Amino acid sequence: MRLATRKVAISGLLGAITVVLGATPLGFIPVPTPAGHATIMHIPVIIGGILEGPIVGLLAGLIFGMYSLMMATAFFSDPIVAILPRLLIGIIAYLVYRPFKNNPVLGGALAAAAGTATNTIGVLSLAVLRGYLPSWKVASVVVITHGLPEMVLAILIVSFVIKALAKYIK
């Protein structure tokens, strides 16, 4: 299988946006939760899956995961936890968006929710399974207090971006 230059370029661009979001305060939105902020680093991966398909989503997710591994704190020093769930974000977003492509805003919102859930639940599940978190109860508290605000932000941002780009989406 040969990747088109466009797909490689867009994957790199979205990956670069993810890195910029992670390396600056732009990727961390203050929210009134115990974590104090919600990350939006996964949003370019979701948008890549929606706009360009699962391969671009996978490649952008790989860049996100590699960045998480390089900047590792806590359980993100484990490549399985840092990378594996991020590979699936764009693929899941694409699969959820696809049946709703005639309604880009609804499809974008659903894809954003699914992509964010893939990231949050994937990372936390692997953290529990690999012994970095003590229990599923702890993971579920993080899902509620940290994952839900990230999901709300992702739905809002992706919906606005997809609405703005709707006339360009195939």
Protein backbone atom coordinates (compact mmCIF):
# COMPACT_ATOMS: atom_id res chain seq x y z
CA MET A 1 0.00 0.00 0.00
CA ARG A 2 1.39 3.37 -1.00
CA LEU A 3 0.52 6.54 0.87
CA ALA A 4 -0.26 9.65 -1.11
CA THR A 5 2.00 12.63 -0.46
CA ARG A 6 -1.03 14.59 0.70
CA LYS A 7 -1.85 12.07 3.44
CA VAL A 8 1.73 11.99 4.71
CA ALA A 9 1.89 15.80 4.71
CA ILE A 10 -1.43 16.19 6.51
CA SER A 11 -0.44 13.54 9.06
CA GLY A 12 2.78 15.41 9.75
CA LEU A 13 1.01 18.75 9.97
CA LEU A 14 -1.60 17.43 12.41
CA GLY A 15 1.11 15.69 14.41
CA ALA A 16 3.04 18.96 14.58
CA ILE A 17 -0.08 20.77 15.81
CA THR A 18 -0.41 18.11 18.52
CA VAL A 19 3.21 18.65 19.58
CA VAL A 20 2.74 22.44 19.69
CA LEU A 21 -0.38 21.99 21.81
CA GLY A 22 1.56 19.75 24.20
CA ALA A 23 4.64 21.96 24.38
CA THR A 24 2.72 25.18 25.07
CA PRO A 25 -0.17 26.21 27.30
CA LEU A 26 -2.41 26.22 24.20
CA GLY A 27 -3.12 22.51 24.63
CA PHE A 28 -4.22 22.75 28.25
CA ILE A 29 -7.56 24.44 28.85
CA PRO A 30 -8.30 25.43 32.47
CA VAL A 31 -11.34 23.62 33.88
CA PRO A 32 -12.69 23.44 37.43
CA THR A 33 -11.68 19.81 38.08
CA PRO A 34 -9.06 18.23 40.35
CA ALA A 35 -6.65 18.07 37.38
CA GLY A 36 -7.10 21.81 36.79
CA HIS A 37 -6.94 21.50 33.01
CA ALA A 38 -8.19 19.46 30.09
CA THR A 39 -5.89 18.63 27.23
CA ILE A 40 -6.94 19.09 23.63
CA MET A 41 -3.86 17.37 22.17
CA HIS A 42 -5.99 14.55 20.78
CA ILE A 43 -8.22 16.86 18.72
CA PRO A 44 -5.91 17.06 15.65
CA VAL A 45 -5.91 13.26 15.59
CA ILE A 46 -9.73 13.20 15.59
CA ILE A 47 -9.87 15.83 12.85
CA GLY A 48 -7.32 13.88 10.80
CA GLY A 49 -9.46 10.74 11.01
CA ILE A 50 -12.58 12.64 10.01
CA LEU A 51 -11.08 14.63 7.14
CA GLU A 52 -8.54 12.22 5.67
CA GLY A 53 -9.47 8.76 6.90
CA PRO A 54 -8.14 6.11 9.23
CA ILE A 55 -4.54 6.03 7.95
CA VAL A 56 -4.03 9.75 8.58
CA GLY A 57 -5.76 9.35 11.95
CA LEU A 58 -3.42 6.47 12.80
CA LEU A 59 -0.30 8.38 11.74
CA ALA A 60 -1.29 11.54 13.63
CA GLY A 61 -2.11 9.35 16.64
CA LEU A 62 1.33 7.75 16.38
CA ILE A 63 2.94 11.20 16.57
CA PHE A 64 0.75 12.05 19.58
CA GLY A 65 1.71 8.79 21.28
CA MET A 66 5.42 9.21 20.55
CA TYR A 67 5.29 12.75 21.93
CA SER A 68 3.57 11.46 25.09
CA LEU A 69 6.30 8.84 25.46
CA MET A 70 9.10 11.37 24.96
CA MET A 71 7.60 13.75 27.53
CA ALA A 72 6.72 10.86 29.82
CA THR A 73 5.52 11.33 33.33
CA ALA A 74 3.94 8.59 35.42
CA PHE A 75 2.64 5.67 33.36
CA PHE A 76 3.27 7.36 30.01
CA SER A 77 6.85 6.07 30.15
CA ASP A 78 5.36 2.71 29.12
CA PRO A 79 5.08 2.71 25.30
CA ILE A 80 2.03 0.46 25.41
CA VAL A 81 0.13 2.99 27.53
CA ALA A 82 1.52 6.06 25.76
CA ILE A 83 1.14 4.92 22.15
CA LEU A 84 -1.40 2.11 21.67
CA PRO A 85 -4.60 4.02 22.61
CA ARG A 86 -3.45 7.04 20.57
CA LEU A 87 -3.18 4.87 17.45
CA LEU A 88 -6.88 4.11 17.72
CA ILE A 89 -8.23 7.66 18.24
CA GLY A 90 -8.33 8.68 14.57
CA ILE A 91 -9.48 5.26 13.39
CA ILE A 92 -12.43 5.23 15.81
CA ALA A 93 -13.26 8.86 14.98
CA TYR A 94 -13.32 7.97 11.27
CA LEU A 95 -15.54 4.92 11.82
CA VAL A 96 -18.01 6.90 13.93
CA TYR A 97 -18.06 9.89 11.57
CA ARG A 98 -18.49 7.90 8.37
CA PRO A 99 -22.21 7.00 8.72
CA PHE A 100 -22.97 10.66 9.53
CA LYS A 101 -20.93 12.31 6.78
CA ASN A 102 -24.12 13.87 5.36
CA ASN A 103 -24.51 15.70 8.67
CA PRO A 104 -20.95 16.86 9.34
CA VAL A 105 -21.65 18.71 12.60
CA LEU A 106 -23.45 15.76 14.21
CA GLY A 107 -20.89 13.33 12.81
CA GLY A 108 -18.05 15.53 14.05
CA ALA A 109 -19.56 15.77 17.53
CA LEU A 110 -20.06 11.99 17.74
CA ALA A 111 -16.56 11.33 16.37
CA ALA A 112 -15.07 13.78 18.89
CA ALA A 113 -16.86 12.02 21.75
CA ALA A 114 -15.77 8.59 20.53
CA GLY A 115 -12.17 9.66 19.86
CA THR A 116 -11.86 11.27 23.28
CA ALA A 117 -13.38 8.22 24.97
CA THR A 118 -10.96 5.99 23.06
CA ASN A 119 -8.03 8.02 24.36
CA THR A 120 -9.20 8.34 27.96
CA ILE A 121 -10.58 4.86 28.46
CA GLY A 122 -7.74 3.26 26.51
CA VAL A 123 -4.99 4.96 28.50
CA LEU A 124 -6.65 4.42 31.87
CA SER A 125 -7.57 0.79 31.16
CA LEU A 126 -4.02 -0.02 30.15
CA ALA A 127 -2.73 1.85 33.21
CA VAL A 128 -4.87 -0.37 35.45
CA LEU A 129 -4.05 -3.58 33.58
CA ARG A 130 -0.32 -2.84 33.71
CA GLY A 131 -0.45 -1.95 37.43
CA TYR A 132 0.15 1.81 37.25
CA LEU A 133 -3.23 2.61 38.77
CA PRO A 134 -4.38 0.64 41.79
CA SER A 135 -7.95 -0.06 40.71
CA TRP A 136 -10.74 0.40 38.20
CA LYS A 137 -12.41 2.67 40.75
CA VAL A 138 -9.50 5.11 40.58
CA ALA A 139 -9.57 4.98 36.78
CA SER A 140 -13.32 5.64 36.70
CA VAL A 141 -12.91 8.71 38.92
CA VAL A 142 -10.33 10.06 36.46
CA VAL A 143 -12.71 9.33 33.56
CA ILE A 144 -15.44 11.37 35.22
CA THR A 145 -13.36 14.25 36.58
CA HIS A 146 -10.87 14.58 33.75
CA GLY A 147 -12.19 12.69 30.71
CA LEU A 148 -15.66 14.24 30.59
CA PRO A 149 -14.42 17.87 30.48
CA GLU A 150 -11.99 16.86 27.72
CA MET A 151 -14.87 15.25 25.84
CA VAL A 152 -17.02 18.38 26.09
CA LEU A 153 -14.16 20.54 24.81
CA ALA A 154 -13.45 18.10 21.98
CA ILE A 155 -17.10 18.05 20.91
CA LEU A 156 -17.25 21.86 20.84
CA ILE A 157 -13.94 22.37 19.03
CA VAL A 158 -14.35 19.57 16.50
CA SER A 159 -17.95 20.61 15.75
CA PHE A 160 -16.83 24.17 15.01
CA VAL A 161 -13.88 23.05 12.87
CA ILE A 162 -15.95 20.52 10.91
CA LYS A 163 -18.74 23.07 10.38
CA ALA A 164 -16.18 25.56 9.05
CA LEU A 165 -14.68 22.92 6.76
CA ALA A 166 -17.96 21.19 5.79
CA LYS A 167 -17.96 22.50 2.24
CA TYR A 168 -14.50 21.00 1.70
CA ILE A 169 -15.30 17.59 3.18
CA LYS A 170 -15.96 14.93 0.54
